[in-house]
Structure formats: C-alpha cells, structure tokens
Amino acid sequence: MSTPDEHDLAALRAFLAERDSACPSCGYNLRGLQSPACPECNQALKLQVGLAEPRLGHFIAGLVGLAMGFGFCLIVGLWGLFEAPRATMLIPLAAGVIVIGLSLLAWVCWRGKLRRASDGARITMVIAAYVLSAVFVSWFLAQAK
C-alpha cells in the first residue's frame, strides 16, 4: 500500500504530466516533472488548492493610492469649510473628493477586470491612481499659496 507522501508525489506527477505550470518560486516550467522539487531552484513542491483570487498586490496598491488622495481632499476640505482664508482653496478639494471618490468606487467595483489585466496594464493603472491623487493635492497646494 502506498504512503500519503507517495500518493501526493503521484498526484503531482499526474498533474504536471500534460500541463505547463510555473514554479511558484522561480517561474521554471514544471511540465513533466518527476521529482518533488523544482530542478531550477530546488524548492520542494506540493499539489494543493489555492485561492481563486490571487495577486491582490496591484489592487491594494492602487486602492491605497486613491484612498490617500480621497482622504486628504476630504479631511482638508472639511477643515477648509471652517478655516480656509479663501473659498477658491476649496475648489480642488471638492473636485478631488468627487473625481477620486468615483475612481475609488470604480477601482473596487472593477477589481476582477484589474486582476485579469496584464502586468503592464496593472502597473500602469496603479501609477495612474497615485498620479490622480498627486494632481489634486498639487492643485490644492498651488491654490493655497
């Protein structure tokens, strides 16, 4: 009778026999692998069930960028309602709350599309999230002079 380790190795071999699958450590293609370790990086491998939504790093990075800009515009805008020396200082903050708020809502609602996008597209969207926040903060700082 086979041991659980032998059964796991047999399942791993069967899974990789006809599939292209990258090593999670180094990215080496494991198709046809016969040993329980990656031949490139020598990391031990096991067959397991994973999350349906991996790679949330880009999503979270963009979420943080938009949330920072939204929070800045909202908090400074609320402060400005009572303390701002000029009403024109509130225009970039109000615009920022609206535009960044809608962008934040879209970011959360379209999380699945972001996850399915290419790496380059995801990085571009994360950078755009930070740039959008920076634009409204810079606009406010220019008005505050």
N, C-alpha and C. Protein backbone atom coordinates (compact mmCIF):
# COMPACT_ATOMS: atom_id res chain seq x y z
N MET A 1 0.84 -1.19 0.00
CA MET A 1 0.00 0.00 0.00
C MET A 1 0.89 1.25 0.00
N SER A 2 0.48 2.28 -0.72
CA SER A 2 1.30 3.49 -0.83
C SER A 2 1.09 4.41 0.37
N THR A 3 2.13 5.13 0.72
CA THR A 3 2.06 6.09 1.82
C THR A 3 1.48 7.40 1.28
N PRO A 4 1.03 8.27 2.19
CA PRO A 4 0.50 9.55 1.73
C PRO A 4 1.51 10.35 0.90
N ASP A 5 2.80 10.29 1.27
CA ASP A 5 3.82 11.01 0.50
C ASP A 5 3.92 10.49 -0.93
N GLU A 6 3.86 9.17 -1.08
CA GLU A 6 3.92 8.57 -2.42
C GLU A 6 2.67 8.95 -3.22
N HIS A 7 1.54 8.97 -2.55
CA HIS A 7 0.28 9.34 -3.21
C HIS A 7 0.35 10.81 -3.65
N ASP A 8 0.87 11.69 -2.78
CA ASP A 8 0.99 13.10 -3.13
C ASP A 8 1.94 13.30 -4.32
N LEU A 9 3.05 12.58 -4.32
CA LEU A 9 4.01 12.67 -5.43
C LEU A 9 3.38 12.17 -6.73
N ALA A 10 2.61 11.08 -6.63
CA ALA A 10 1.93 10.55 -7.82
C ALA A 10 0.92 11.56 -8.36
N ALA A 11 0.19 12.22 -7.46
CA ALA A 11 -0.78 13.23 -7.88
C ALA A 11 -0.07 14.43 -8.53
N LEU A 12 1.06 14.84 -7.95
CA LEU A 12 1.84 15.94 -8.52
C LEU A 12 2.35 15.58 -9.91
N ARG A 13 2.88 14.37 -10.05
CA ARG A 13 3.37 13.91 -11.36
C ARG A 13 2.24 13.87 -12.39
N ALA A 14 1.09 13.35 -11.98
CA ALA A 14 -0.05 13.26 -12.89
C ALA A 14 -0.52 14.65 -13.31
N PHE A 15 -0.54 15.58 -12.36
CA PHE A 15 -0.97 16.94 -12.66
C PHE A 15 -0.03 17.62 -13.65
N LEU A 16 1.27 17.44 -13.45
CA LEU A 16 2.26 18.12 -14.29
C LEU A 16 2.60 17.37 -15.58
N ALA A 17 2.08 16.16 -15.74
CA ALA A 17 2.43 15.35 -16.91
C ALA A 17 2.08 16.05 -18.21
N GLU A 18 0.92 16.68 -18.29
CA GLU A 18 0.46 17.29 -19.54
C GLU A 18 0.15 18.78 -19.40
N ARG A 19 0.60 19.39 -18.31
CA ARG A 19 0.28 20.80 -18.10
C ARG A 19 1.55 21.64 -18.00
N ASP A 20 1.47 22.85 -18.55
CA ASP A 20 2.52 23.84 -18.32
C ASP A 20 2.17 24.55 -17.03
N SER A 21 3.01 24.43 -16.04
CA SER A 21 2.78 25.09 -14.77
C SER A 21 4.11 25.65 -14.28
N ALA A 22 4.11 26.90 -13.88
CA ALA A 22 5.35 27.56 -13.45
C ALA A 22 5.63 27.29 -11.98
N CYS A 23 6.90 27.17 -11.65
CA CYS A 23 7.32 27.04 -10.26
C CYS A 23 6.94 28.34 -9.54
N PRO A 24 6.30 28.26 -8.38
CA PRO A 24 5.92 29.48 -7.67
C PRO A 24 7.11 30.28 -7.15
N SER A 25 8.27 29.65 -7.06
CA SER A 25 9.46 30.34 -6.56
C SER A 25 10.25 31.02 -7.68
N CYS A 26 10.55 30.29 -8.75
CA CYS A 26 11.44 30.84 -9.78
C CYS A 26 10.79 30.99 -11.15
N GLY A 27 9.61 30.41 -11.35
CA GLY A 27 8.92 30.54 -12.63
C GLY A 27 9.28 29.48 -13.66
N TYR A 28 10.13 28.54 -13.30
CA TYR A 28 10.54 27.46 -14.21
C TYR A 28 9.33 26.62 -14.61
N ASN A 29 9.24 26.24 -15.89
CA ASN A 29 8.13 25.41 -16.36
C ASN A 29 8.32 23.99 -15.85
N LEU A 30 7.34 23.49 -15.10
CA LEU A 30 7.45 22.19 -14.44
C LEU A 30 6.81 21.05 -15.22
N ARG A 31 6.43 21.26 -16.47
CA ARG A 31 5.77 20.21 -17.27
C ARG A 31 6.63 18.94 -17.27
N GLY A 32 5.98 17.82 -16.96
CA GLY A 32 6.64 16.53 -16.98
C GLY A 32 7.57 16.26 -15.81
N LEU A 33 7.50 17.06 -14.78
CA LEU A 33 8.37 16.89 -13.61
C LEU A 33 8.14 15.53 -12.95
N GLN A 34 9.21 14.86 -12.57
CA GLN A 34 9.11 13.55 -11.92
C GLN A 34 9.52 13.59 -10.45
N SER A 35 10.23 14.63 -10.03
CA SER A 35 10.68 14.72 -8.64
C SER A 35 9.80 15.69 -7.86
N PRO A 36 9.86 15.65 -6.52
CA PRO A 36 9.03 16.56 -5.73
C PRO A 36 9.67 17.93 -5.50
N ALA A 37 10.69 18.28 -6.29
CA ALA A 37 11.36 19.57 -6.14
C ALA A 37 11.60 20.18 -7.52
N CYS A 38 11.64 21.49 -7.57
CA CYS A 38 11.91 22.20 -8.81
C CYS A 38 13.36 21.96 -9.21
N PRO A 39 13.62 21.58 -10.46
CA PRO A 39 15.00 21.34 -10.89
C PRO A 39 15.82 22.63 -11.00
N GLU A 40 15.17 23.76 -11.10
CA GLU A 40 15.87 25.04 -11.25
C GLU A 40 16.31 25.61 -9.90
N CYS A 41 15.37 25.71 -8.94
CA CYS A 41 15.68 26.34 -7.65
C CYS A 41 15.73 25.36 -6.49
N ASN A 42 15.39 24.10 -6.74
CA ASN A 42 15.43 23.02 -5.75
C ASN A 42 14.46 23.23 -4.58
N GLN A 43 13.41 24.00 -4.79
CA GLN A 43 12.39 24.18 -3.75
C GLN A 43 11.42 23.00 -3.80
N ALA A 44 11.04 22.52 -2.61
CA ALA A 44 10.08 21.42 -2.53
C ALA A 44 8.72 21.89 -3.05
N LEU A 45 8.03 21.01 -3.74
CA LEU A 45 6.73 21.33 -4.33
C LEU A 45 5.67 20.41 -3.78
N LYS A 46 4.43 20.91 -3.72
CA LYS A 46 3.30 20.07 -3.35
C LYS A 46 2.09 20.55 -4.13
N LEU A 47 1.18 19.64 -4.36
CA LEU A 47 -0.05 19.95 -5.07
C LEU A 47 -1.08 20.35 -4.03
N GLN A 48 -1.70 21.51 -4.21
CA GLN A 48 -2.69 21.97 -3.24
C GLN A 48 -3.72 22.86 -3.91
N VAL A 49 -4.80 23.11 -3.21
CA VAL A 49 -5.85 24.01 -3.68
C VAL A 49 -5.45 25.43 -3.27
N GLY A 50 -5.58 26.39 -4.19
CA GLY A 50 -5.21 27.77 -3.90
C GLY A 50 -6.42 28.68 -3.95
N LEU A 51 -6.19 29.93 -3.63
CA LEU A 51 -7.25 30.93 -3.66
C LEU A 51 -7.70 31.20 -5.08
N ALA A 52 -8.95 31.53 -5.21
CA ALA A 52 -9.49 31.86 -6.53
C ALA A 52 -9.06 33.26 -6.97
N GLU A 53 -8.70 34.13 -6.03
CA GLU A 53 -8.32 35.50 -6.35
C GLU A 53 -6.91 35.81 -5.85
N PRO A 54 -5.89 35.24 -6.47
CA PRO A 54 -4.54 35.58 -6.04
C PRO A 54 -4.11 36.93 -6.61
N ARG A 55 -2.95 37.36 -6.25
CA ARG A 55 -2.34 38.59 -6.75
C ARG A 55 -3.19 39.82 -6.50
N LEU A 56 -3.42 40.12 -5.26
CA LEU A 56 -4.17 41.32 -4.91
C LEU A 56 -3.25 42.51 -4.67
N GLY A 57 -1.95 42.32 -4.84
CA GLY A 57 -0.99 43.39 -4.56
C GLY A 57 -1.24 44.65 -5.36
N HIS A 58 -1.47 44.52 -6.67
CA HIS A 58 -1.72 45.69 -7.50
C HIS A 58 -3.04 46.35 -7.11
N PHE A 59 -4.03 45.53 -6.82
CA PHE A 59 -5.33 46.08 -6.40
C PHE A 59 -5.17 46.89 -5.13
N ILE A 60 -4.48 46.33 -4.14
CA ILE A 60 -4.31 47.02 -2.86
C ILE A 60 -3.44 48.27 -3.02
N ALA A 61 -2.39 48.18 -3.83
CA ALA A 61 -1.52 49.34 -4.05
C ALA A 61 -2.30 50.51 -4.65
N GLY A 62 -3.12 50.24 -5.65
CA GLY A 62 -3.93 51.29 -6.25
C GLY A 62 -5.00 51.81 -5.30
N LEU A 63 -5.57 50.90 -4.52
CA LEU A 63 -6.58 51.29 -3.54
C LEU A 63 -5.98 52.25 -2.52
N VAL A 64 -4.78 51.96 -2.06
CA VAL A 64 -4.10 52.84 -1.10
C VAL A 64 -3.83 54.21 -1.72
N GLY A 65 -3.35 54.22 -2.96
CA GLY A 65 -3.07 55.49 -3.63
C GLY A 65 -4.31 56.36 -3.77
N LEU A 66 -5.41 55.76 -4.17
CA LEU A 66 -6.65 56.52 -4.30
C LEU A 66 -7.21 56.93 -2.94
N ALA A 67 -7.13 56.03 -1.97
CA ALA A 67 -7.65 56.34 -0.64
C ALA A 67 -6.87 57.47 0.02
N MET A 68 -5.56 57.52 -0.21
CA MET A 68 -4.77 58.63 0.35
C MET A 68 -5.22 59.97 -0.22
N GLY A 69 -5.38 60.03 -1.53
CA GLY A 69 -5.83 61.27 -2.16
C GLY A 69 -7.23 61.65 -1.74
N PHE A 70 -8.12 60.66 -1.69
CA PHE A 70 -9.50 60.92 -1.27
C PHE A 70 -9.54 61.41 0.17
N GLY A 71 -8.81 60.73 1.04
CA GLY A 71 -8.77 61.12 2.46
C GLY A 71 -8.20 62.52 2.65
N PHE A 72 -7.14 62.84 1.93
CA PHE A 72 -6.55 64.17 2.02
C PHE A 72 -7.57 65.22 1.61
N CYS A 73 -8.17 65.04 0.44
CA CYS A 73 -9.13 66.03 -0.06
C CYS A 73 -10.33 66.17 0.88
N LEU A 74 -10.81 65.05 1.40
CA LEU A 74 -11.98 65.09 2.29
C LEU A 74 -11.65 65.77 3.61
N ILE A 75 -10.57 65.37 4.26
CA ILE A 75 -10.24 65.92 5.58
C ILE A 75 -9.84 67.39 5.49
N VAL A 76 -8.98 67.73 4.54
CA VAL A 76 -8.57 69.13 4.40
C VAL A 76 -9.76 69.96 3.91
N GLY A 77 -10.61 69.39 3.09
CA GLY A 77 -11.81 70.10 2.64
C GLY A 77 -12.76 70.40 3.78
N LEU A 78 -12.97 69.43 4.67
CA LEU A 78 -13.83 69.67 5.83
C LEU A 78 -13.22 70.73 6.75
N TRP A 79 -11.90 70.66 6.93
CA TRP A 79 -11.22 71.68 7.72
C TRP A 79 -11.40 73.05 7.05
N GLY A 80 -11.25 73.07 5.72
CA GLY A 80 -11.33 74.32 4.98
C GLY A 80 -12.69 74.98 5.02
N LEU A 81 -13.75 74.19 5.23
CA LEU A 81 -15.08 74.79 5.33
C LEU A 81 -15.15 75.80 6.47
N PHE A 82 -14.37 75.56 7.52
CA PHE A 82 -14.42 76.43 8.69
C PHE A 82 -13.20 77.35 8.81
N GLU A 83 -12.08 76.97 8.23
CA GLU A 83 -10.83 77.68 8.47
C GLU A 83 -10.17 78.28 7.23
N ALA A 84 -10.62 77.96 6.05
CA ALA A 84 -9.92 78.40 4.83
C ALA A 84 -10.02 79.91 4.67
N PRO A 85 -8.88 80.56 4.39
CA PRO A 85 -8.92 82.02 4.20
C PRO A 85 -9.60 82.43 2.89
N ARG A 86 -9.59 81.55 1.88
CA ARG A 86 -10.23 81.86 0.59
C ARG A 86 -11.06 80.66 0.14
N ALA A 87 -12.21 80.94 -0.42
CA ALA A 87 -13.08 79.87 -0.89
C ALA A 87 -12.48 79.15 -2.10
N THR A 88 -11.62 79.83 -2.86
CA THR A 88 -11.01 79.18 -4.03
C THR A 88 -10.12 78.01 -3.64
N MET A 89 -9.68 77.97 -2.39
CA MET A 89 -8.87 76.85 -1.93
C MET A 89 -9.68 75.55 -1.88
N LEU A 90 -11.00 75.69 -1.77
CA LEU A 90 -11.86 74.51 -1.64
C LEU A 90 -12.19 73.86 -2.98
N ILE A 91 -12.00 74.58 -4.08
CA ILE A 91 -12.36 74.04 -5.40
C ILE A 91 -11.58 72.76 -5.73
N PRO A 92 -10.24 72.75 -5.61
CA PRO A 92 -9.53 71.50 -5.92
C PRO A 92 -9.87 70.37 -4.96
N LEU A 93 -10.19 70.72 -3.72
CA LEU A 93 -10.54 69.69 -2.74
C LEU A 93 -11.90 69.07 -3.07
N ALA A 94 -12.88 69.91 -3.41
CA ALA A 94 -14.20 69.39 -3.77
C ALA A 94 -14.11 68.56 -5.04
N ALA A 95 -13.37 69.05 -6.02
CA ALA A 95 -13.19 68.28 -7.26
C ALA A 95 -12.48 66.96 -6.97
N GLY A 96 -11.49 67.00 -6.08
CA GLY A 96 -10.76 65.78 -5.71
C GLY A 96 -11.65 64.76 -5.03
N VAL A 97 -12.51 65.23 -4.12
CA VAL A 97 -13.43 64.30 -3.45
C VAL A 97 -14.33 63.62 -4.48
N ILE A 98 -14.83 64.39 -5.44
CA ILE A 98 -15.74 63.81 -6.44
C ILE A 98 -14.99 62.87 -7.39
N VAL A 99 -13.92 63.36 -8.00
CA VAL A 99 -13.22 62.57 -9.02
C VAL A 99 -12.52 61.36 -8.40
N ILE A 100 -11.78 61.59 -7.32
CA ILE A 100 -11.08 60.46 -6.70
C ILE A 100 -12.08 59.50 -6.06
N GLY A 101 -13.16 60.04 -5.50
CA GLY A 101 -14.19 59.17 -4.92
C GLY A 101 -14.81 58.25 -5.95
N LEU A 102 -15.13 58.80 -7.13
CA LEU A 102 -15.67 57.97 -8.20
C LEU A 102 -14.64 56.97 -8.71
N SER A 103 -13.39 57.40 -8.77
CA SER A 103 -12.31 56.49 -9.19
C SER A 103 -12.14 55.36 -8.19
N LEU A 104 -12.25 55.68 -6.92
CA LEU A 104 -12.15 54.67 -5.86
C LEU A 104 -13.30 53.67 -5.97
N LEU A 105 -14.49 54.16 -6.22
CA LEU A 105 -15.64 53.28 -6.40
C LEU A 105 -15.44 52.37 -7.62
N ALA A 106 -14.97 52.94 -8.72
CA ALA A 106 -14.71 52.14 -9.93
C ALA A 106 -13.62 51.11 -9.67
N TRP A 107 -12.58 51.50 -8.93
CA TRP A 107 -11.47 50.59 -8.62
C TRP A 107 -11.98 49.36 -7.87
N VAL A 108 -12.86 49.59 -6.90
CA VAL A 108 -13.40 48.48 -6.11
C VAL A 108 -14.37 47.64 -6.94
N CYS A 109 -15.23 48.30 -7.70
CA CYS A 109 -16.23 47.56 -8.49
C CYS A 109 -15.60 46.74 -9.62
N TRP A 110 -14.51 47.22 -10.19
CA TRP A 110 -13.87 46.54 -11.32
C TRP A 110 -12.61 45.79 -10.91
N ARG A 111 -12.58 45.33 -9.69
CA ARG A 111 -11.43 44.60 -9.17
C ARG A 111 -11.11 43.38 -10.04
N GLY A 112 -12.14 42.67 -10.48
CA GLY A 112 -11.93 41.48 -11.30
C GLY A 112 -11.25 41.80 -12.63
N LYS A 113 -11.65 42.90 -13.26
CA LYS A 113 -11.02 43.30 -14.52
C LYS A 113 -9.55 43.67 -14.29
N LEU A 114 -9.27 44.31 -13.19
CA LEU A 114 -7.89 44.65 -12.86
C LEU A 114 -7.06 43.39 -12.67
N ARG A 115 -7.63 42.42 -11.98
CA ARG A 115 -6.92 41.17 -11.71
C ARG A 115 -6.61 40.40 -12.99
N ARG A 116 -7.50 40.49 -13.98
CA ARG A 116 -7.30 39.76 -15.23
C ARG A 116 -6.43 40.52 -16.23
N ALA A 117 -6.14 41.77 -15.96
CA ALA A 117 -5.33 42.58 -16.88
C ALA A 117 -3.88 42.10 -16.86
N SER A 118 -3.15 42.48 -17.88
CA SER A 118 -1.73 42.10 -17.95
C SER A 118 -0.95 42.85 -16.86
N ASP A 119 0.26 42.36 -16.58
CA ASP A 119 1.08 43.01 -15.56
C ASP A 119 1.35 44.47 -15.91
N GLY A 120 1.66 44.73 -17.15
CA GLY A 120 1.92 46.11 -17.58
C GLY A 120 0.72 47.01 -17.38
N ALA A 121 -0.45 46.50 -17.72
CA ALA A 121 -1.68 47.29 -17.55
C ALA A 121 -1.97 47.54 -16.08
N ARG A 122 -1.75 46.53 -15.24
CA ARG A 122 -1.98 46.71 -13.80
C ARG A 122 -1.03 47.74 -13.21
N ILE A 123 0.23 47.68 -13.59
CA ILE A 123 1.21 48.64 -13.09
C ILE A 123 0.85 50.05 -13.56
N THR A 124 0.43 50.18 -14.81
CA THR A 124 0.02 51.47 -15.34
C THR A 124 -1.17 52.03 -14.57
N MET A 125 -2.15 51.18 -14.25
CA MET A 125 -3.32 51.65 -13.50
C MET A 125 -2.95 52.05 -12.08
N VAL A 126 -2.04 51.33 -11.45
CA VAL A 126 -1.60 51.70 -10.09
C VAL A 126 -0.89 53.05 -10.13
N ILE A 127 -0.01 53.24 -11.10
CA ILE A 127 0.68 54.53 -11.23
C ILE A 127 -0.33 55.65 -11.49
N ALA A 128 -1.33 55.39 -12.33
CA ALA A 128 -2.36 56.39 -12.61
C ALA A 128 -3.14 56.75 -11.35
N ALA A 129 -3.38 55.78 -10.48
CA ALA A 129 -4.09 56.06 -9.23
C ALA A 129 -3.30 57.03 -8.36
N TYR A 130 -1.99 56.82 -8.25
CA TYR A 130 -1.16 57.72 -7.46
C TYR A 130 -1.03 59.09 -8.13
N VAL A 131 -0.91 59.11 -9.45
CA VAL A 131 -0.81 60.38 -10.17
C VAL A 131 -2.09 61.18 -10.00
N LEU A 132 -3.24 60.53 -10.09
CA LEU A 132 -4.51 61.22 -9.91
C LEU A 132 -4.57 61.89 -8.54
N SER A 133 -4.19 61.17 -7.51
CA SER A 133 -4.18 61.75 -6.17
C SER A 133 -3.20 62.91 -6.08
N ALA A 134 -2.02 62.73 -6.67
CA ALA A 134 -1.00 63.78 -6.62
C ALA A 134 -1.45 65.04 -7.35
N VAL A 135 -2.20 64.88 -8.43
CA VAL A 135 -2.68 66.04 -9.19
C VAL A 135 -3.58 66.91 -8.33
N PHE A 136 -4.51 66.30 -7.62
CA PHE A 136 -5.43 67.10 -6.80
C PHE A 136 -4.75 67.70 -5.59
N VAL A 137 -3.82 66.98 -4.98
CA VAL A 137 -3.06 67.54 -3.85
C VAL A 137 -2.21 68.71 -4.35
N SER A 138 -1.57 68.55 -5.50
CA SER A 138 -0.74 69.63 -6.06
C SER A 138 -1.58 70.84 -6.43
N TRP A 139 -2.75 70.59 -6.99
CA TRP A 139 -3.65 71.69 -7.35
C TRP A 139 -4.05 72.47 -6.10
N PHE A 140 -4.37 71.75 -5.04
CA PHE A 140 -4.71 72.42 -3.79
C PHE A 140 -3.53 73.24 -3.27
N LEU A 141 -2.34 72.65 -3.27
CA LEU A 141 -1.17 73.36 -2.76
C LEU A 141 -0.86 74.61 -3.59
N ALA A 142 -1.11 74.55 -4.90
CA ALA A 142 -0.91 75.72 -5.75
C ALA A 142 -1.92 76.81 -5.41
N GLN A 143 -3.14 76.43 -5.09
CA GLN A 143 -4.18 77.39 -4.71
C GLN A 143 -3.93 77.98 -3.33
N ALA A 144 -3.29 77.22 -2.47
CA ALA A 144 -3.09 77.64 -1.08
C ALA A 144 -1.99 78.70 -0.94
N LYS A 145 -1.17 78.88 -1.98
CA LYS A 145 -0.08 79.87 -1.89
C LYS A 145 -0.59 81.27 -1.80
